[in-house]
């Protein structure tokens, strides 16, 4: 199975940017649909973005469309989440996830990284 480790979270002012990384080990990320999710305090976990196994298809939640970008580096076996124009509402723990199938739930999860956006 694949292991996922997120990094890059932190405290940033509204309007600022951050780049999260998800380093995978055990299997190549090209074998998986890779996604980012987030959970704000007191709320349910929500989908942020996903990239297909081919890397050709990306999908975004409406709340982050135009501000966040998912990318991957298959040589480094790492997935990135570039976040720009951050808002206080983006404050959450961000999780990287991997899915072996092209549809359905995600099978593997990282431990999460905290992103805090101050107003």
Protein backbone atom coordinates (compact mmCIF):
# COMPACT_ATOMS: atom_id res chain seq x y z
CA UNK A 1 0.00 0.00 0.00
CA UNK A 2 1.03 3.59 -0.44
CA UNK A 3 2.08 5.82 2.47
CA UNK A 4 1.33 9.54 2.35
CA UNK A 5 2.99 12.35 4.30
CA UNK A 6 1.77 15.95 4.01
CA UNK A 7 3.83 19.04 4.73
CA UNK A 8 3.81 22.74 4.05
CA UNK A 9 0.99 23.90 6.27
CA UNK A 10 1.26 26.96 8.46
CA UNK A 11 -0.11 30.37 9.35
CA UNK A 12 -0.69 32.88 6.58
CA UNK A 13 -2.54 36.16 6.24
CA UNK A 14 -5.64 36.46 4.09
CA UNK A 15 -4.66 36.96 0.47
CA UNK A 16 -1.46 35.01 0.93
CA UNK A 17 -0.29 31.75 -0.60
CA UNK A 18 0.92 28.36 0.54
CA UNK A 19 2.03 25.21 -1.19
CA UNK A 20 1.27 21.87 0.40
CA UNK A 21 3.20 18.75 -0.49
CA UNK A 22 2.18 15.11 -0.24
CA UNK A 23 5.13 12.74 -0.45
CA UNK A 24 4.14 9.20 -1.36
CA UNK A 25 6.12 6.03 -0.75
CA UNK A 26 5.57 2.38 -1.41
CA UNK A 27 3.90 2.77 -4.79
CA UNK A 28 4.03 5.27 -7.65
CA UNK A 29 1.41 8.00 -7.51
CA UNK A 30 0.64 7.33 -11.16
CA UNK A 31 -1.11 4.19 -9.95
CA UNK A 32 -3.60 6.25 -7.97
CA UNK A 33 -6.17 8.95 -8.27
CA UNK A 34 -4.77 11.53 -5.84
CA UNK A 35 -6.86 14.01 -3.93
CA UNK A 36 -6.83 16.72 -1.30
CA UNK A 37 -9.51 17.08 1.33
CA UNK A 38 -9.88 19.37 4.31
CA UNK A 39 -11.66 19.44 7.62
CA UNK A 40 -12.36 22.66 9.46
CA UNK A 41 -12.93 22.62 13.20
CA UNK A 42 -16.42 21.39 13.98
CA UNK A 43 -17.21 20.55 10.37
CA UNK A 44 -17.29 17.50 8.16
CA UNK A 45 -14.38 16.63 5.93
CA UNK A 46 -14.86 18.10 2.47
CA UNK A 47 -13.45 17.47 -0.97
CA UNK A 48 -10.99 20.06 -2.31
CA UNK A 49 -9.48 18.67 -5.50
CA UNK A 50 -8.46 15.50 -7.32
CA UNK A 51 -6.10 14.55 -10.12
CA UNK A 52 -6.61 11.45 -12.25
CA UNK A 53 -4.15 8.60 -12.54
CA UNK A 54 -3.10 9.85 -15.95
CA UNK A 55 -2.64 13.34 -14.58
CA UNK A 56 -4.77 14.70 -17.40
CA UNK A 57 -7.96 15.38 -15.47
CA UNK A 58 -8.36 17.62 -12.46
CA UNK A 59 -11.50 18.58 -10.56
CA UNK A 60 -12.00 21.28 -7.94
CA UNK A 61 -14.57 22.20 -5.37
CA UNK A 62 -16.38 25.39 -6.32
CA UNK A 63 -15.07 27.08 -3.19
CA UNK A 64 -11.45 26.80 -4.34
CA UNK A 65 -11.80 26.92 -8.13
CA UNK A 66 -9.51 29.54 -9.60
CA UNK A 67 -7.47 29.82 -6.40
CA UNK A 68 -6.09 26.33 -5.80
CA UNK A 69 -4.12 24.14 -8.20
CA UNK A 70 -3.27 20.46 -7.86
CA UNK A 71 -0.13 19.16 -9.53
CA UNK A 72 2.08 16.13 -9.34
CA UNK A 73 5.71 15.22 -9.91
CA UNK A 74 5.95 11.53 -10.76
CA UNK A 75 9.74 11.57 -10.47
CA UNK A 76 9.56 12.87 -6.90
CA UNK A 77 6.41 10.82 -6.32
CA UNK A 78 4.83 13.88 -4.79
CA UNK A 79 1.51 15.67 -5.18
CA UNK A 80 1.19 19.39 -4.54
CA UNK A 81 -1.60 21.76 -3.67
CA UNK A 82 -0.81 25.34 -4.62
CA UNK A 83 -3.14 27.67 -2.73
CA UNK A 84 -3.41 31.35 -3.57
CA UNK A 85 -5.63 34.22 -2.43
CA UNK A 86 -6.28 32.35 0.79
CA UNK A 87 -9.29 33.26 2.87
CA UNK A 88 -10.05 32.70 6.56
CA UNK A 89 -12.64 30.15 5.42
CA UNK A 90 -9.80 28.01 4.05
CA UNK A 91 -8.57 27.37 7.58
CA UNK A 92 -8.59 23.61 8.10
CA UNK A 93 -6.50 20.49 8.39
CA UNK A 94 -5.64 19.43 4.86
CA UNK A 95 -5.35 15.74 3.99
CA UNK A 96 -3.82 14.00 1.03
CA UNK A 97 -5.51 10.82 -0.16
CA UNK A 98 -5.03 8.08 -2.74
CA UNK A 99 -7.59 5.92 -4.51
CA UNK A 100 -6.78 2.77 -6.44
CA UNK A 101 -9.99 2.92 -8.46
CA UNK A 102 -11.10 5.60 -10.89
CA UNK A 103 -14.31 6.15 -8.94
CA UNK A 104 -15.48 5.81 -5.40
CA UNK A 105 -13.89 6.39 -2.05
CA UNK A 106 -10.25 6.98 -1.26
CA UNK A 107 -8.29 4.13 0.26
CA UNK A 108 -5.23 5.74 1.80
CA UNK A 109 -4.84 8.91 3.82
CA UNK A 110 -2.06 11.05 5.21
CA UNK A 111 -1.97 12.45 8.72
CA UNK A 112 -2.91 15.96 7.67
CA UNK A 113 -1.31 19.38 7.86
CA UNK A 114 -2.82 22.46 9.48
CA UNK A 115 -3.47 25.57 7.42
CA UNK A 116 -4.55 28.69 9.29
CA UNK A 117 -5.51 31.86 7.47
CA UNK A 118 -5.75 35.02 9.57
CA UNK A 119 -7.91 37.97 8.63
